[in-house]
Amino acid sequence: MPLFTIRPARAWALAVGLIVLFTTSIHSSLARAEPPAIPLANVYQQGVELQAYWVSEKLDGVRAYWDGEQFWSRGGHVYAAPPWFTEQFPDQPLDGELWSGRGQFSQLSGVVRKQQPVAEEWLGVRFHAFDLPLKNTPFTARYQRLKRLVEESSSRYLVLVEQSPISDHEALITKLETTVAAGGEGLMLKRKASLYHGGRSDDLLKVKTFEDAEAVVVGHLPGKGKYQGLTGALEVELESGRRFRIGTGFSDADRRSPPPLGATVTFRYRGLTATGLPRFASFLRVRNDEPEKAR
């Protein structure tokens, strides 16, 4: 005879309770593992006190947050890097970009988004660290600590984004033109005294020869004339909820197979209309830098 018995109904309740407890524990663990909100850039406007900033090249890579164990995307998903890629990384958080060179965004995106990383493809990728997520610490101090961390690491896959002073607007534009002529995308300004916090602010400014933004595809409009039977324009929605159309910047392949509904696209534009919508919006690319979904 057993010393005690558990009634079937009670056993079922106990099993369900254990499952719920286990699932909750997993969810809590995942929630704790997610990275904090990251700093995002506003657009540079002439008149900013440039002596309060450092300048660096704007990399056209994939933004990634290293939490000490793995890379996270802006959307809170994990990039599956090969173990050897990060084995000599610091065990503390770093903010930066996965990058494989100027003009390589599409190829890079295809590499880092895969759930099963292909080792040979990651050989040309580097993590370019530009910030150290520390609370209540000005960027100048954070950058010095970041520089020491990178120097102390023997990883060939971890690179420091070089920051330098800039004197005035004319010097900034000269540097911008030189960078773009060499194939770069633009420049970034980081306020020296800024603290690390998520969201957009003037602590981080992007400097480009054109303005760009992102929107979500909500409709496909049929083409006319030479574009008969193809996509003529995309209807897109901004974060504010306002909608407008993008009808230029597409290749024939884009028009035959346009970005699907729900896709986030990057577009360039020239200022705003009187009603506050992007003027002369032109398609640039699909922002497909989030990791692939599990199948």
C-alpha atoms as a PDB file:
ATOM      1  CA  MET A   1       0.000   0.000   0.000  1.00  0.00           C
ATOM      2  CA  PRO A   2       1.349   3.463  -0.869  1.00  0.00           C
ATOM      3  CA  LEU A   3       1.733   5.839   2.042  1.00  0.00           C
ATOM      4  CA  PHE A   4      -0.478   8.376   0.273  1.00  0.00           C
ATOM      5  CA  THR A   5      -2.486   8.704  -2.925  1.00  0.00           C
ATOM      6  CA  ILE A   6      -3.393  11.626  -5.161  1.00  0.00           C
ATOM      7  CA  ARG A   7      -6.917  11.701  -6.521  1.00  0.00           C
ATOM      8  CA  PRO A   8      -7.118  11.916 -10.355  1.00  0.00           C
ATOM      9  CA  ALA A   9      -8.769  15.355 -10.327  1.00  0.00           C
ATOM     10  CA  ARG A  10      -6.193  16.684  -7.900  1.00  0.00           C
ATOM     11  CA  ALA A  11      -3.348  15.163  -9.937  1.00  0.00           C
ATOM     12  CA  TRP A  12      -4.691  16.871 -13.062  1.00  0.00           C
ATOM     13  CA  ALA A  13      -4.886  20.234 -11.286  1.00  0.00           C
ATOM     14  CA  LEU A  14      -1.351  19.783  -9.986  1.00  0.00           C
ATOM     15  CA  ALA A  15      -0.043  18.981 -13.475  1.00  0.00           C
ATOM     16  CA  VAL A  16      -1.764  22.014 -14.986  1.00  0.00           C
ATOM     17  CA  GLY A  17      -0.349  24.202 -12.216  1.00  0.00           C
ATOM     18  CA  LEU A  18       3.173  22.957 -12.874  1.00  0.00           C
ATOM     19  CA  ILE A  19       2.791  23.635 -16.619  1.00  0.00           C
ATOM     20  CA  VAL A  20       1.556  27.164 -15.962  1.00  0.00           C
ATOM     21  CA  LEU A  21       4.384  27.780 -13.505  1.00  0.00           C
ATOM     22  CA  PHE A  22       6.966  26.458 -15.978  1.00  0.00           C
ATOM     23  CA  THR A  23       5.561  28.523 -18.878  1.00  0.00           C
ATOM     24  CA  THR A  24       5.393  31.666 -16.747  1.00  0.00           C
ATOM     25  CA  SER A  25       8.984  31.141 -15.663  1.00  0.00           C
ATOM     26  CA  ILE A  26      10.125  30.853 -19.269  1.00  0.00           C
ATOM     27  CA  HIS A  27       8.193  33.959 -20.297  1.00  0.00           C
ATOM     28  CA  SER A  28       9.567  35.917 -17.343  1.00  0.00           C
ATOM     29  CA  SER A  29      13.095  34.830 -18.212  1.00  0.00           C
ATOM     30  CA  LEU A  30      12.667  35.904 -21.830  1.00  0.00           C
ATOM     31  CA  ALA A  31      11.192  39.219 -20.766  1.00  0.00           C
ATOM     32  CA  ARG A  32      14.140  39.902 -18.497  1.00  0.00           C
ATOM     33  CA  ALA A  33      16.523  39.000 -21.304  1.00  0.00           C
ATOM     34  CA  GLU A  34      15.107  41.539 -23.726  1.00  0.00           C
ATOM     35  CA  PRO A  35      17.288  44.605 -24.296  1.00  0.00           C
ATOM     36  CA  PRO A  36      16.256  48.051 -23.095  1.00  0.00           C
ATOM     37  CA  ALA A  37      14.995  50.681 -25.512  1.00  0.00           C
ATOM     38  CA  ILE A  38      17.878  52.017 -27.602  1.00  0.00           C
ATOM     39  CA  PRO A  39      18.713  55.617 -28.563  1.00  0.00           C
ATOM     40  CA  LEU A  40      17.414  56.702 -31.982  1.00  0.00           C
ATOM     41  CA  ALA A  41      18.472  59.678 -34.074  1.00  0.00           C
ATOM     42  CA  ASN A  42      16.792  62.898 -35.081  1.00  0.00           C
ATOM     43  CA  VAL A  43      17.839  64.781 -38.224  1.00  0.00           C
ATOM     44  CA  TYR A  44      20.616  67.366 -38.063  1.00  0.00           C
ATOM     45  CA  GLN A  45      19.657  70.984 -38.756  1.00  0.00           C
ATOM     46  CA  GLN A  46      22.125  73.816 -39.224  1.00  0.00           C
ATOM     47  CA  GLY A  47      22.475  75.876 -36.060  1.00  0.00           C
ATOM     48  CA  VAL A  48      23.290  72.993 -33.711  1.00  0.00           C
ATOM     49  CA  GLU A  49      26.202  73.753 -31.369  1.00  0.00           C
ATOM     50  CA  LEU A  50      28.612  71.309 -32.973  1.00  0.00           C
ATOM     51  CA  GLN A  51      31.354  71.707 -30.391  1.00  0.00           C
ATOM     52  CA  ALA A  52      29.069  69.797 -28.009  1.00  0.00           C
ATOM     53  CA  TYR A  53      29.147  66.718 -30.280  1.00  0.00           C
ATOM     54  CA  TRP A  54      31.427  63.986 -31.576  1.00  0.00           C
ATOM     55  CA  VAL A  55      31.105  62.902 -35.209  1.00  0.00           C
ATOM     56  CA  SER A  56      31.428  59.437 -36.768  1.00  0.00           C
ATOM     57  CA  GLU A  57      30.483  57.742 -40.034  1.00  0.00           C
ATOM     58  CA  LYS A  58      26.887  56.551 -40.338  1.00  0.00           C
ATOM     59  CA  LEU A  59      27.151  52.851 -41.114  1.00  0.00           C
ATOM     60  CA  ASP A  60      24.538  51.328 -43.426  1.00  0.00           C
ATOM     61  CA  GLY A  61      24.461  48.155 -41.369  1.00  0.00           C
ATOM     62  CA  VAL A  62      22.054  46.325 -39.079  1.00  0.00           C
ATOM     63  CA  ARG A  63      21.535  47.864 -35.643  1.00  0.00           C
ATOM     64  CA  ALA A  64      22.229  45.319 -32.927  1.00  0.00           C
ATOM     65  CA  TYR A  65      22.409  45.312 -29.133  1.00  0.00           C
ATOM     66  CA  TRP A  66      24.857  42.895 -27.501  1.00  0.00           C
ATOM     67  CA  ASP A  67      23.537  42.013 -24.033  1.00  0.00           C
ATOM     68  CA  GLY A  68      26.673  40.131 -22.970  1.00  0.00           C
ATOM     69  CA  GLU A  69      25.436  36.821 -24.374  1.00  0.00           C
ATOM     70  CA  GLN A  70      23.630  37.438 -27.658  1.00  0.00           C
ATOM     71  CA  PHE A  71      22.600  40.058 -30.231  1.00  0.00           C
ATOM     72  CA  TRP A  72      19.146  41.659 -30.202  1.00  0.00           C
ATOM     73  CA  SER A  73      17.415  43.476 -33.046  1.00  0.00           C
ATOM     74  CA  ARG A  74      15.556  46.785 -32.741  1.00  0.00           C
ATOM     75  CA  GLY A  75      12.340  44.763 -32.681  1.00  0.00           C
ATOM     76  CA  GLY A  76      13.463  42.621 -29.737  1.00  0.00           C
ATOM     77  CA  HIS A  77      14.446  39.458 -31.633  1.00  0.00           C
ATOM     78  CA  VAL A  78      17.687  37.509 -31.432  1.00  0.00           C
ATOM     79  CA  TYR A  79      20.265  37.433 -34.228  1.00  0.00           C
ATOM     80  CA  ALA A  80      21.731  33.921 -34.343  1.00  0.00           C
ATOM     81  CA  ALA A  81      25.446  34.608 -34.700  1.00  0.00           C
ATOM     82  CA  PRO A  82      27.871  31.651 -34.799  1.00  0.00           C
ATOM     83  CA  PRO A  83      29.341  30.969 -31.314  1.00  0.00           C
ATOM     84  CA  TRP A  84      32.895  31.626 -32.536  1.00  0.00           C
ATOM     85  CA  PHE A  85      31.884  35.098 -33.690  1.00  0.00           C
ATOM     86  CA  THR A  86      31.232  36.308 -30.124  1.00  0.00           C
ATOM     87  CA  GLU A  87      33.382  33.993 -28.003  1.00  0.00           C
ATOM     88  CA  GLN A  88      35.829  36.803 -27.114  1.00  0.00           C
ATOM     89  CA  PHE A  89      33.256  39.579 -26.709  1.00  0.00           C
ATOM     90  CA  PRO A  90      32.886  41.380 -23.354  1.00  0.00           C
ATOM     91  CA  ASP A  91      30.235  39.935 -21.049  1.00  0.00           C
ATOM     92  CA  GLN A  92      28.541  43.324 -20.702  1.00  0.00           C
ATOM     93  CA  PRO A  93      26.124  45.172 -23.007  1.00  0.00           C
ATOM     94  CA  LEU A  94      27.326  47.012 -26.118  1.00  0.00           C
ATOM     95  CA  ASP A  95      25.323  49.085 -28.599  1.00  0.00           C
ATOM     96  CA  GLY A  96      26.373  49.109 -32.242  1.00  0.00           C
ATOM     97  CA  GLU A  97      25.875  47.752 -35.742  1.00  0.00           C
ATOM     98  CA  LEU A  98      26.631  44.559 -37.586  1.00  0.00           C
ATOM     99  CA  TRP A  99      28.385  45.785 -40.733  1.00  0.00           C
ATOM    100  CA  SER A 100      30.243  44.269 -43.661  1.00  0.00           C
ATOM    101  CA  GLY A 101      31.226  47.372 -45.622  1.00  0.00           C
ATOM    102  CA  ARG A 102      29.748  50.296 -47.512  1.00  0.00           C
ATOM    103  CA  GLY A 103      26.846  49.515 -49.815  1.00  0.00           C
ATOM    104  CA  GLN A 104      26.466  45.943 -48.506  1.00  0.00           C
ATOM    105  CA  PHE A 105      23.206  46.288 -46.561  1.00  0.00           C
ATOM    106  CA  SER A 106      21.085  43.874 -48.627  1.00  0.00           C
ATOM    107  CA  GLN A 107      23.736  41.155 -48.562  1.00  0.00           C
ATOM    108  CA  LEU A 108      24.428  41.705 -44.854  1.00  0.00           C
ATOM    109  CA  SER A 109      20.726  41.548 -44.003  1.00  0.00           C
ATOM    110  CA  GLY A 110      20.447  38.188 -45.731  1.00  0.00           C
ATOM    111  CA  VAL A 111      23.355  36.867 -43.669  1.00  0.00           C
ATOM    112  CA  VAL A 112      22.408  37.988 -40.156  1.00  0.00           C
ATOM    113  CA  ARG A 113      18.662  37.281 -40.391  1.00  0.00           C
ATOM    114  CA  LYS A 114      19.030  33.523 -40.818  1.00  0.00           C
ATOM    115  CA  GLN A 115      17.914  31.344 -37.922  1.00  0.00           C
ATOM    116  CA  GLN A 116      20.683  28.900 -38.758  1.00  0.00           C
ATOM    117  CA  PRO A 117      23.794  31.039 -39.363  1.00  0.00           C
ATOM    118  CA  VAL A 118      26.128  30.062 -42.191  1.00  0.00           C
ATOM    119  CA  ALA A 119      29.642  30.291 -40.763  1.00  0.00           C
ATOM    120  CA  GLU A 120      31.373  31.299 -44.013  1.00  0.00           C
ATOM    121  CA  GLU A 121      28.932  34.177 -44.527  1.00  0.00           C
ATOM    122  CA  TRP A 122      29.706  35.666 -41.107  1.00  0.00           C
ATOM    123  CA  LEU A 123      33.458  35.807 -41.792  1.00  0.00           C
ATOM    124  CA  GLY A 124      33.067  39.216 -43.449  1.00  0.00           C
ATOM    125  CA  VAL A 125      30.820  40.680 -40.727  1.00  0.00           C
ATOM    126  CA  ARG A 126      32.045  42.863 -37.863  1.00  0.00           C
ATOM    127  CA  PHE A 127      30.215  44.302 -34.862  1.00  0.00           C
ATOM    128  CA  HIS A 128      31.024  48.016 -34.780  1.00  0.00           C
ATOM    129  CA  ALA A 129      30.381  49.221 -31.226  1.00  0.00           C
ATOM    130  CA  PHE A 130      29.544  52.894 -30.783  1.00  0.00           C
ATOM    131  CA  ASP A 131      28.105  53.083 -27.272  1.00  0.00           C
ATOM    132  CA  LEU A 132      28.260  51.455 -23.860  1.00  0.00           C
ATOM    133  CA  PRO A 133      24.814  51.258 -22.180  1.00  0.00           C
ATOM    134  CA  LEU A 134      25.548  52.655 -18.713  1.00  0.00           C
ATOM    135  CA  LYS A 135      23.136  54.689 -16.612  1.00  0.00           C
ATOM    136  CA  ASN A 136      23.961  58.142 -15.298  1.00  0.00           C
ATOM    137  CA  THR A 137      27.233  58.302 -17.252  1.00  0.00           C
ATOM    138  CA  PRO A 138      27.960  60.973 -19.905  1.00  0.00           C
ATOM    139  CA  PHE A 139      28.824  59.702 -23.375  1.00  0.00           C
ATOM    140  CA  THR A 140      32.431  60.953 -23.188  1.00  0.00           C
ATOM    141  CA  ALA A 141      33.073  58.712 -20.160  1.00  0.00           C
ATOM    142  CA  ARG A 142      31.119  55.820 -21.685  1.00  0.00           C
ATOM    143  CA  TYR A 143      33.130  56.059 -24.880  1.00  0.00           C
ATOM    144  CA  GLN A 144      36.455  55.930 -23.044  1.00  0.00           C
ATOM    145  CA  ARG A 145      35.358  52.786 -21.198  1.00  0.00           C
ATOM    146  CA  LEU A 146      34.064  51.304 -24.462  1.00  0.00           C
ATOM    147  CA  LYS A 147      37.412  52.002 -26.116  1.00  0.00           C
ATOM    148  CA  ARG A 148      39.249  50.130 -23.339  1.00  0.00           C
ATOM    149  CA  LEU A 149      36.865  47.173 -23.598  1.00  0.00           C
ATOM    150  CA  VAL A 150      37.444  46.832 -27.328  1.00  0.00           C
ATOM    151  CA  GLU A 151      41.214  47.178 -26.921  1.00  0.00           C
ATOM    152  CA  GLU A 152      41.234  44.512 -24.197  1.00  0.00           C
ATOM    153  CA  SER A 153      39.232  42.119 -26.351  1.00  0.00           C
ATOM    154  CA  SER A 154      41.255  39.997 -28.747  1.00  0.00           C
ATOM    155  CA  SER A 155      38.259  39.449 -31.025  1.00  0.00           C
ATOM    156  CA  ARG A 156      38.823  40.343 -34.677  1.00  0.00           C
ATOM    157  CA  TYR A 157      35.054  40.664 -35.040  1.00  0.00           C
ATOM    158  CA  LEU A 158      34.649  43.531 -32.555  1.00  0.00           C
ATOM    159  CA  VAL A 159      35.497  47.027 -33.823  1.00  0.00           C
ATOM    160  CA  LEU A 160      35.303  50.467 -32.199  1.00  0.00           C
ATOM    161  CA  VAL A 161      33.447  53.185 -34.119  1.00  0.00           C
ATOM    162  CA  GLU A 162      35.881  56.092 -34.190  1.00  0.00           C
ATOM    163  CA  GLN A 163      34.567  59.423 -32.840  1.00  0.00           C
ATOM    164  CA  SER A 164      36.183  62.785 -33.560  1.00  0.00           C
ATOM    165  CA  PRO A 165      35.477  66.479 -32.863  1.00  0.00           C
ATOM    166  CA  ILE A 166      33.954  68.811 -35.442  1.00  0.00           C
ATOM    167  CA  SER A 167      34.382  72.571 -35.417  1.00  0.00           C
ATOM    168  CA  ASP A 168      31.524  74.064 -37.431  1.00  0.00           C
ATOM    169  CA  HIS A 169      28.833  73.494 -40.060  1.00  0.00           C
ATOM    170  CA  GLU A 170      31.175  74.032 -43.009  1.00  0.00           C
ATOM    171  CA  ALA A 171      33.632  71.449 -41.693  1.00  0.00           C
ATOM    172  CA  LEU A 172      30.755  69.029 -41.105  1.00  0.00           C
ATOM    173  CA  ILE A 173      29.448  69.379 -44.668  1.00  0.00           C
ATOM    174  CA  THR A 174      32.953  68.958 -46.089  1.00  0.00           C
ATOM    175  CA  LYS A 175      33.356  65.743 -44.092  1.00  0.00           C
ATOM    176  CA  LEU A 176      29.895  64.592 -45.216  1.00  0.00           C
ATOM    177  CA  GLU A 177      30.685  65.157 -48.892  1.00  0.00           C
ATOM    178  CA  THR A 178      34.014  63.328 -48.558  1.00  0.00           C
ATOM    179  CA  THR A 179      32.337  60.374 -46.838  1.00  0.00           C
ATOM    180  CA  VAL A 180      29.534  60.117 -49.403  1.00  0.00           C
ATOM    181  CA  ALA A 181      31.986  60.421 -52.320  1.00  0.00           C
ATOM    182  CA  ALA A 182      33.847  57.428 -50.873  1.00  0.00           C
ATOM    183  CA  GLY A 183      30.646  55.359 -50.795  1.00  0.00           C
ATOM    184  CA  GLY A 184      29.486  56.132 -47.252  1.00  0.00           C
ATOM    185  CA  GLU A 185      25.881  56.823 -46.293  1.00  0.00           C
ATOM    186  CA  GLY A 186      26.413  59.861 -44.082  1.00  0.00           C
ATOM    187  CA  LEU A 187      27.501  60.949 -40.608  1.00  0.00           C
ATOM    188  CA  MET A 188      26.281  60.672 -37.023  1.00  0.00           C
ATOM    189  CA  LEU A 189      26.564  63.276 -34.273  1.00  0.00           C
ATOM    190  CA  LYS A 190      26.598  62.202 -30.629  1.00  0.00           C
ATOM    191  CA  ARG A 191      26.257  64.738 -27.820  1.00  0.00           C
ATOM    192  CA  LYS A 192      29.281  64.435 -25.512  1.00  0.00           C
ATOM    193  CA  ALA A 193      27.334  65.064 -22.303  1.00  0.00           C
ATOM    194  CA  SER A 194      24.325  62.871 -23.189  1.00  0.00           C
ATOM    195  CA  LEU A 195      23.140  60.009 -21.014  1.00  0.00           C
ATOM    196  CA  TYR A 196      22.141  56.627 -22.428  1.00  0.00           C
ATOM    197  CA  HIS A 197      18.363  56.420 -22.837  1.00  0.00           C
ATOM    198  CA  GLY A 198      15.919  54.999 -25.358  1.00  0.00           C
ATOM    199  CA  GLY A 199      13.893  56.889 -27.933  1.00  0.00           C
ATOM    200  CA  ARG A 200      14.563  59.738 -30.344  1.00  0.00           C
ATOM    201  CA  SER A 201      16.295  62.873 -29.167  1.00  0.00           C
ATOM    202  CA  ASP A 202      18.804  65.481 -30.296  1.00  0.00           C
ATOM    203  CA  ASP A 203      21.473  63.619 -28.325  1.00  0.00           C
ATOM    204  CA  LEU A 204      21.926  61.610 -31.519  1.00  0.00           C
ATOM    205  CA  LEU A 205      21.662  63.251 -34.953  1.00  0.00           C
ATOM    206  CA  LYS A 206      22.031  61.828 -38.450  1.00  0.00           C
ATOM    207  CA  VAL A 207      23.620  63.953 -41.151  1.00  0.00           C
ATOM    208  CA  LYS A 208      22.894  62.920 -44.750  1.00  0.00           C
ATOM    209  CA  THR A 209      22.732  64.453 -48.204  1.00  0.00           C
ATOM    210  CA  PHE A 210      19.030  63.557 -48.227  1.00  0.00           C
ATOM    211  CA  GLU A 211      16.356  62.939 -45.610  1.00  0.00           C
ATOM    212  CA  ASP A 212      14.949  59.461 -45.101  1.00  0.00           C
ATOM    213  CA  ALA A 213      12.277  57.842 -42.967  1.00  0.00           C
ATOM    214  CA  GLU A 214      10.304  54.628 -42.624  1.00  0.00           C
ATOM    215  CA  ALA A 215       6.682  53.717 -43.280  1.00  0.00           C
ATOM    216  CA  VAL A 216       4.523  50.582 -43.434  1.00  0.00           C
ATOM    217  CA  VAL A 217       3.019  49.372 -46.712  1.00  0.00           C
ATOM    218  CA  VAL A 218      -0.798  49.391 -46.555  1.00  0.00           C
ATOM    219  CA  GLY A 219      -1.703  49.223 -50.242  1.00  0.00           C
ATOM    220  CA  HIS A 220      -0.570  48.564 -53.819  1.00  0.00           C
ATOM    221  CA  LEU A 221      -1.769  50.848 -56.615  1.00  0.00           C
ATOM    222  CA  PRO A 222      -1.818  49.556 -60.224  1.00  0.00           C
ATOM    223  CA  GLY A 223       0.525  51.065 -62.783  1.00  0.00           C
ATOM    224  CA  LYS A 224      -0.458  52.870 -65.959  1.00  0.00           C
ATOM    225  CA  GLY A 225       1.182  53.349 -69.349  1.00  0.00           C
ATOM    226  CA  LYS A 226       4.551  51.581 -69.439  1.00  0.00           C
ATOM    227  CA  TYR A 227       3.834  50.203 -65.971  1.00  0.00           C
ATOM    228  CA  GLN A 228       0.521  48.616 -67.035  1.00  0.00           C
ATOM    229  CA  GLY A 229       0.174  45.289 -65.231  1.00  0.00           C
ATOM    230  CA  LEU A 230       2.821  46.252 -62.661  1.00  0.00           C
ATOM    231  CA  THR A 231       2.729  48.129 -59.381  1.00  0.00           C
ATOM    232  CA  GLY A 232       2.475  51.856 -59.986  1.00  0.00           C
ATOM    233  CA  ALA A 233       2.828  53.083 -56.402  1.00  0.00           C
ATOM    234  CA  LEU A 234       2.747  52.027 -52.771  1.00  0.00           C
ATOM    235  CA  GLU A 235       0.350  53.464 -50.249  1.00  0.00           C
ATOM    236  CA  VAL A 236       2.217  53.721 -46.964  1.00  0.00           C
ATOM    237  CA  GLU A 237       1.460  54.747 -43.402  1.00  0.00           C
ATOM    238  CA  LEU A 238       3.724  56.747 -41.133  1.00  0.00           C
ATOM    239  CA  GLU A 239       4.099  56.113 -37.400  1.00  0.00           C
ATOM    240  CA  SER A 240       1.725  59.049 -36.879  1.00  0.00           C
ATOM    241  CA  GLY A 241      -1.002  57.205 -38.794  1.00  0.00           C
ATOM    242  CA  ARG A 242      -0.937  59.546 -41.800  1.00  0.00           C
ATOM    243  CA  ARG A 243      -0.869  57.963 -45.242  1.00  0.00           C
ATOM    244  CA  PHE A 244       0.627  58.962 -48.590  1.00  0.00           C
ATOM    245  CA  ARG A 245       1.898  57.375 -51.815  1.00  0.00           C
ATOM    246  CA  ILE A 246       5.377  56.505 -53.045  1.00  0.00           C
ATOM    247  CA  GLY A 247       5.546  56.184 -56.822  1.00  0.00           C
ATOM    248  CA  THR A 248       9.225  56.502 -57.734  1.00  0.00           C
ATOM    249  CA  GLY A 249      12.526  54.842 -56.925  1.00  0.00           C
ATOM    250  CA  PHE A 250      11.400  51.319 -57.898  1.00  0.00           C
ATOM    251  CA  SER A 251      13.234  48.962 -60.226  1.00  0.00           C
ATOM    252  CA  ASP A 252      11.213  46.869 -62.674  1.00  0.00           C
ATOM    253  CA  ALA A 253      11.774  43.908 -60.351  1.00  0.00           C
ATOM    254  CA  ASP A 254      10.317  45.927 -57.445  1.00  0.00           C
ATOM    255  CA  ARG A 255       7.246  46.742 -59.533  1.00  0.00           C
ATOM    256  CA  ARG A 256       6.759  43.096 -60.533  1.00  0.00           C
ATOM    257  CA  SER A 257       7.162  41.916 -56.943  1.00  0.00           C
ATOM    258  CA  PRO A 258       6.472  44.874 -54.634  1.00  0.00           C
ATOM    259  CA  PRO A 259       7.029  44.885 -50.861  1.00  0.00           C
ATOM    260  CA  PRO A 260       4.090  42.999 -49.271  1.00  0.00           C
ATOM    261  CA  LEU A 261       1.427  44.592 -47.126  1.00  0.00           C
ATOM    262  CA  GLY A 262       2.785  45.102 -43.626  1.00  0.00           C
ATOM    263  CA  ALA A 263       6.401  45.450 -44.779  1.00  0.00           C
ATOM    264  CA  THR A 264       8.418  48.390 -43.452  1.00  0.00           C
ATOM    265  CA  VAL A 265      10.104  50.394 -46.214  1.00  0.00           C
ATOM    266  CA  THR A 266      12.697  53.155 -46.119  1.00  0.00           C
ATOM    267  CA  PHE A 267      12.131  56.130 -48.401  1.00  0.00           C
ATOM    268  CA  ARG A 268      14.000  59.334 -49.127  1.00  0.00           C
ATOM    269  CA  TYR A 269      12.364  62.733 -49.455  1.00  0.00           C
ATOM    270  CA  ARG A 270      13.032  66.464 -49.713  1.00  0.00           C
ATOM    271  CA  GLY A 271      11.438  68.310 -46.843  1.00  0.00           C
ATOM    272  CA  LEU A 272       7.737  68.407 -46.004  1.00  0.00           C
ATOM    273  CA  THR A 273       4.684  69.715 -47.808  1.00  0.00           C
ATOM    274  CA  ALA A 274       2.461  72.439 -46.345  1.00  0.00           C
ATOM    275  CA  THR A 275       0.348  69.670 -44.798  1.00  0.00           C
ATOM    276  CA  GLY A 276       3.379  68.014 -43.175  1.00  0.00           C
ATOM    277  CA  LEU A 277       3.774  65.002 -45.481  1.00  0.00           C
ATOM    278  CA  PRO A 278       7.114  63.989 -47.089  1.00  0.00           C
ATOM    279  CA  ARG A 279       7.773  65.876 -50.329  1.00  0.00           C
ATOM    280  CA  PHE A 280       9.027  63.986 -53.435  1.00  0.00           C
ATOM    281  CA  ALA A 281       9.103  60.656 -51.584  1.00  0.00           C
ATOM    282  CA  SER A 282      11.144  57.982 -53.387  1.00  0.00           C
ATOM    283  CA  PHE A 283      11.448  54.290 -52.498  1.00  0.00           C
ATOM    284  CA  LEU A 284      14.865  53.292 -51.142  1.00  0.00           C
ATOM    285  CA  ARG A 285      14.591  49.729 -49.825  1.00  0.00           C
ATOM    286  CA  VAL A 286      12.676  47.290 -47.656  1.00  0.00           C
ATOM    287  CA  ARG A 287      13.856  47.403 -44.057  1.00  0.00           C
ATOM    288  CA  ASN A 288      14.229  43.649 -43.703  1.00  0.00           C
ATOM    289  CA  ASP A 289      16.749  43.539 -40.867  1.00  0.00           C
ATOM    290  CA  GLU A 290      14.662  41.565 -38.365  1.00  0.00           C
ATOM    291  CA  PRO A 291      15.593  37.880 -37.870  1.00  0.00           C
ATOM    292  CA  GLU A 292      13.591  35.273 -39.775  1.00  0.00           C
ATOM    293  CA  LYS A 293      10.586  33.803 -37.965  1.00  0.00           C
ATOM    294  CA  ALA A 294      10.671  30.247 -36.709  1.00  0.00           C
ATOM    295  CA  ARG A 295       9.154  27.745 -39.132  1.00  0.00           C
END
